[in-house]
Amino acid sequence: MIAIGTAAAVWLLGASGCAVWRIGRSAELAKYSEAFQNRPVAPVLSLLVVGDSTAVGTGASNAPHSLAGLAAADYPRLLIDNRAADGAKFEQVVQQLEGVERRFDLVLVQAGGNDVIRLTDEAALSSQIDRTVALARQRADTVILMPSGNVGSSPFFFAPISWLMTKRSQTLHRLIRNAAAAPGVIYVDLYKPPEDDPFVRQPGMFADDGLHPSDKGYRQWWSELLRQADLRPRLAGAR
């Protein structure tokens, strides 16, 4: 999700009391993460994945335990082209989509966490989300928007910065929800109140940097994606 590279982000991390080892661990996880691809011999359906480190699968023990890896395990005849990159904001997601020339059956967009953390201006973020949706709709009839849940709930941040991250996460989800009003666009809502949020209530959902999902966390997200986007009938042919 995160690439610590701006003065604002560094200040946030310091002000939140985030431990130096967690910052280093997050960078280390990103360094060794690899976007999962699936190239079956005879694909039946195709999926384009764009986004940030949550789309790469950073925090998972290995690429097959990322969300894209879980999708390939359940649907081995699903072609997966993963263009995601660690540290990407929606501005970079636009660039990822601009580099795609072919059509797909589905586009999955996992982004927004870096815009939350790195304080992207709301007007600019709204414009970039709308541009992302427009480009994705040119590349598939079905577009799924799946931003991270409440960044403020992650152990990476402490109050009062966690409160700011929660407020900004709410803004992100509002903008995503509005963008999902376009035809063929599905919003997968991972933002839940703390009493209902498995990332708050269940141990082991975060990787050891306290920010990215663990294997268990990605399995939870995969379950939510299947349910909220009603993917099982959509992908049935790729089993």
Protein backbone atom coordinates (compact mmCIF):
# COMPACT_ATOMS: atom_id res chain seq x y z
CA MET A 1 0.00 0.00 0.00
CA ILE A 2 2.63 2.46 1.06
CA ALA A 3 5.88 3.88 -0.24
CA ILE A 4 7.34 6.31 2.28
CA GLY A 5 8.83 8.99 0.09
CA THR A 6 7.33 12.38 0.91
CA ALA A 7 7.97 14.81 3.75
CA ALA A 8 4.30 14.70 4.72
CA ALA A 9 4.34 10.92 4.98
CA VAL A 10 7.49 10.94 7.08
CA TRP A 11 5.97 13.52 9.40
CA LEU A 12 2.81 11.47 9.73
CA LEU A 13 4.73 8.36 10.63
CA GLY A 14 6.80 10.19 13.20
CA ALA A 15 3.82 12.01 14.70
CA SER A 16 1.84 8.79 14.97
CA GLY A 17 4.60 7.15 17.01
CA CYS A 18 5.14 4.50 14.37
CA ALA A 19 8.12 2.33 15.24
CA VAL A 20 11.13 2.61 12.94
CA TRP A 21 11.28 -1.15 12.54
CA ARG A 22 7.73 -1.16 11.14
CA ILE A 23 8.66 1.42 8.53
CA GLY A 24 11.67 -0.67 7.58
CA ARG A 25 9.65 -3.86 7.57
CA SER A 26 7.03 -2.35 5.29
CA ALA A 27 9.74 -1.27 2.85
CA GLU A 28 11.30 -4.74 3.01
CA LEU A 29 7.98 -6.45 2.28
CA ALA A 30 7.46 -4.17 -0.71
CA LYS A 31 10.99 -4.83 -1.96
CA TYR A 32 10.45 -8.58 -2.15
CA SER A 33 6.82 -8.62 -3.27
CA GLU A 34 5.94 -9.63 -6.82
CA ALA A 35 2.68 -9.08 -8.67
CA PHE A 36 1.06 -12.45 -9.34
CA GLN A 37 0.34 -13.34 -12.98
CA ASN A 38 -1.57 -16.30 -14.38
CA ARG A 39 -1.03 -17.50 -17.94
CA PRO A 40 -3.11 -20.66 -18.51
CA VAL A 41 -2.63 -22.52 -21.78
CA ALA A 42 -6.29 -22.18 -22.72
CA PRO A 43 -7.79 -19.26 -20.78
CA VAL A 44 -11.55 -18.97 -20.68
CA LEU A 45 -11.81 -15.54 -19.03
CA SER A 46 -9.41 -12.64 -18.47
CA LEU A 47 -8.79 -10.30 -15.56
CA LEU A 48 -6.70 -7.13 -15.53
CA VAL A 49 -5.44 -6.07 -12.09
CA VAL A 50 -4.18 -2.53 -11.47
CA GLY A 51 -3.39 -0.70 -8.27
CA ASP A 52 -0.99 -0.45 -5.38
CA SER A 53 0.84 -2.92 -3.14
CA THR A 54 -2.43 -4.50 -1.98
CA ALA A 55 -2.96 -5.53 -5.61
CA VAL A 56 0.66 -6.70 -5.82
CA GLY A 57 0.08 -8.79 -2.69
CA THR A 58 2.63 -7.16 -0.41
CA GLY A 59 2.39 -8.67 3.06
CA ALA A 60 1.48 -12.14 1.83
CA SER A 61 4.02 -14.89 2.49
CA ASN A 62 4.37 -15.38 -1.27
CA ALA A 63 2.61 -14.35 -4.47
CA PRO A 64 0.18 -17.32 -4.60
CA HIS A 65 -1.24 -16.12 -1.27
CA SER A 66 -2.04 -12.67 -2.67
CA LEU A 67 -5.57 -11.89 -3.81
CA ALA A 68 -4.64 -12.48 -7.46
CA GLY A 69 -2.96 -15.75 -6.47
CA LEU A 70 -6.07 -16.89 -4.62
CA ALA A 71 -8.16 -16.04 -7.68
CA ALA A 72 -5.92 -18.20 -9.88
CA ALA A 73 -6.06 -21.09 -7.41
CA ASP A 74 -9.87 -21.11 -7.46
CA TYR A 75 -10.13 -20.32 -11.18
CA PRO A 76 -7.07 -21.78 -12.94
CA ARG A 77 -8.39 -21.00 -16.42
CA LEU A 78 -8.59 -17.29 -15.60
CA LEU A 79 -5.89 -15.25 -17.32
CA ILE A 80 -4.56 -12.63 -14.89
CA ASP A 81 -2.51 -9.68 -16.12
CA ASN A 82 -1.32 -7.79 -13.02
CA ARG A 83 0.05 -4.28 -13.68
CA ALA A 84 -0.02 -3.12 -10.03
CA ALA A 85 2.99 -1.52 -8.34
CA ASP A 86 4.02 -0.85 -4.76
CA GLY A 87 3.50 2.76 -3.76
CA ALA A 88 1.04 3.57 -6.55
CA LYS A 89 -1.56 6.27 -6.02
CA PHE A 90 -4.55 6.69 -8.31
CA GLU A 91 -2.41 8.98 -10.43
CA GLN A 92 -0.15 5.99 -11.22
CA VAL A 93 -3.13 3.66 -11.67
CA VAL A 94 -4.22 5.91 -14.53
CA GLN A 95 -0.80 5.38 -16.09
CA GLN A 96 -1.05 1.61 -15.57
CA LEU A 97 -4.33 1.57 -17.48
CA GLU A 98 -3.03 3.82 -20.24
CA GLY A 99 -0.38 1.18 -20.93
CA VAL A 100 -3.00 -1.51 -21.62
CA GLU A 101 -4.11 -1.98 -25.21
CA ARG A 102 -6.24 -5.15 -25.18
CA ARG A 103 -9.70 -5.87 -23.81
CA PHE A 104 -10.44 -8.00 -20.74
CA ASP A 105 -13.53 -9.57 -19.23
CA LEU A 106 -12.96 -7.80 -15.91
CA VAL A 107 -10.77 -5.07 -14.45
CA LEU A 108 -9.99 -5.07 -10.73
CA VAL A 109 -8.74 -1.79 -9.24
CA GLN A 110 -7.15 -1.99 -5.78
CA ALA A 111 -5.91 1.46 -4.84
CA GLY A 112 -6.41 4.47 -2.63
CA GLY A 113 -4.42 3.65 0.50
CA ASN A 114 -1.42 5.69 -0.65
CA ASP A 115 -3.69 8.62 -1.45
CA VAL A 116 -5.01 8.42 2.10
CA ILE A 117 -1.57 8.25 3.70
CA ARG A 118 0.20 10.69 1.40
CA LEU A 119 -2.53 13.33 1.69
CA THR A 120 -3.70 13.57 -1.93
CA ASP A 121 -5.95 16.58 -2.35
CA GLU A 122 -9.62 15.54 -2.46
CA ALA A 123 -10.41 17.32 -5.73
CA ALA A 124 -7.36 15.80 -7.43
CA LEU A 125 -8.18 12.36 -6.05
CA SER A 126 -11.78 12.57 -7.26
CA SER A 127 -10.57 13.49 -10.75
CA GLN A 128 -8.03 10.66 -10.79
CA ILE A 129 -10.63 8.11 -9.65
CA ASP A 130 -13.03 9.25 -12.36
CA ARG A 131 -10.25 9.00 -14.96
CA THR A 132 -9.38 5.51 -13.69
CA VAL A 133 -12.98 4.39 -14.05
CA ALA A 134 -13.28 5.86 -17.54
CA LEU A 135 -10.12 4.09 -18.73
CA ALA A 136 -11.07 0.81 -17.05
CA ARG A 137 -14.50 0.84 -18.70
CA GLN A 138 -12.77 1.12 -22.07
CA ARG A 139 -10.93 -2.11 -21.30
CA ALA A 140 -13.70 -4.25 -19.80
CA ASP A 141 -17.46 -4.30 -19.46
CA THR A 142 -17.11 -5.03 -15.75
CA VAL A 143 -14.94 -2.89 -13.49
CA ILE A 144 -14.47 -3.64 -9.79
CA LEU A 145 -13.26 -0.94 -7.42
CA MET A 146 -11.83 -2.40 -4.21
CA PRO A 147 -10.01 0.14 -2.03
CA SER A 148 -8.49 -0.83 1.30
CA GLY A 149 -10.66 -0.62 4.40
CA ASN A 150 -10.01 1.80 7.24
CA VAL A 151 -6.32 2.69 7.11
CA GLY A 152 -6.71 4.30 10.54
CA SER A 153 -7.47 0.91 12.09
CA SER A 154 -4.08 -0.52 11.16
CA PRO A 155 -1.54 -0.98 13.99
CA PHE A 156 0.89 1.03 11.85
CA PHE A 157 -0.68 4.28 13.14
CA PHE A 158 -1.47 5.61 16.59
CA ALA A 159 -3.78 8.43 17.71
CA PRO A 160 -4.17 11.20 16.81
CA ILE A 161 -2.84 10.40 13.31
CA SER A 162 -4.98 7.25 13.18
CA TRP A 163 -8.03 9.50 13.51
CA LEU A 164 -6.89 11.53 10.50
CA MET A 165 -6.32 8.31 8.53
CA THR A 166 -9.84 7.16 9.41
CA LYS A 167 -11.36 10.43 8.23
CA ARG A 168 -9.39 10.31 5.00
CA SER A 169 -10.37 6.67 4.47
CA GLN A 170 -14.01 7.68 4.77
CA THR A 171 -13.46 10.37 2.13
CA LEU A 172 -11.79 7.85 -0.19
CA HIS A 173 -14.67 5.42 0.11
CA ARG A 174 -17.22 8.17 -0.51
CA LEU A 175 -15.45 9.15 -3.73
CA ILE A 176 -15.18 5.51 -4.81
CA ARG A 177 -18.85 4.91 -4.05
CA ASN A 178 -19.80 7.90 -6.19
CA ALA A 179 -17.62 6.71 -9.06
CA ALA A 180 -19.22 3.27 -8.90
CA ALA A 181 -22.53 4.77 -10.02
CA ALA A 182 -21.29 4.41 -13.61
CA PRO A 183 -22.73 1.45 -15.56
CA GLY A 184 -20.78 -1.78 -15.20
CA VAL A 185 -18.82 -0.57 -12.14
CA ILE A 186 -18.93 -2.50 -8.86
CA TYR A 187 -17.77 -1.15 -5.49
CA VAL A 188 -16.44 -3.67 -2.98
CA ASP A 189 -16.73 -2.08 0.45
CA LEU A 190 -14.00 -3.16 2.86
CA TYR A 191 -14.66 -0.25 5.24
CA LYS A 192 -16.46 -1.52 8.31
CA PRO A 193 -17.06 -0.12 11.80
CA PRO A 194 -14.53 -1.47 14.31
CA GLU A 195 -17.06 -3.77 15.95
CA ASP A 196 -17.63 -5.51 12.60
CA ASP A 197 -14.15 -5.22 11.11
CA PRO A 198 -12.32 -8.57 11.07
CA PHE A 199 -9.01 -6.70 10.77
CA VAL A 200 -9.74 -5.17 14.18
CA ARG A 201 -11.41 -8.11 15.86
CA GLN A 202 -9.36 -11.06 14.63
CA PRO A 203 -5.63 -11.61 15.26
CA GLY A 204 -3.26 -12.29 12.39
CA MET A 205 -5.05 -10.26 9.71
CA PHE A 206 -2.13 -7.85 9.26
CA ALA A 207 1.39 -8.66 8.09
CA ASP A 208 4.10 -7.95 10.63
CA ASP A 209 4.51 -4.36 9.39
CA GLY A 210 1.07 -3.64 10.83
CA LEU A 211 -0.14 -2.13 7.55
CA HIS A 212 -0.49 -4.68 4.75
CA PRO A 213 -2.77 -7.72 4.90
CA SER A 214 -1.29 -11.09 5.83
CA ASP A 215 -2.18 -14.35 4.10
CA LYS A 216 -5.21 -14.48 6.38
CA GLY A 217 -6.10 -10.90 5.54
CA TYR A 218 -5.94 -11.52 1.81
CA ARG A 219 -8.17 -14.58 2.21
CA GLN A 220 -10.70 -12.36 3.96
CA TRP A 221 -10.53 -9.84 1.11
CA TRP A 222 -10.95 -12.62 -1.47
CA SER A 223 -14.06 -13.80 0.35
CA GLU A 224 -15.46 -10.26 0.35
CA LEU A 225 -14.65 -9.80 -3.33
CA LEU A 226 -16.40 -13.03 -4.28
CA ARG A 227 -19.46 -12.14 -2.24
CA GLN A 228 -19.89 -8.43 -2.92
CA ALA A 229 -19.05 -8.59 -6.63
CA ASP A 230 -20.99 -11.83 -7.09
CA LEU A 231 -17.96 -13.29 -8.84
CA ARG A 232 -18.70 -17.01 -8.53
CA PRO A 233 -21.22 -17.11 -11.38
CA ARG A 234 -19.16 -14.63 -13.40
CA LEU A 235 -16.04 -16.79 -13.17
CA ALA A 236 -17.65 -20.23 -13.18
CA GLY A 237 -16.36 -21.06 -16.64
CA ALA A 238 -12.74 -20.56 -15.54
CA ARG A 239 -12.75 -23.36 -12.95
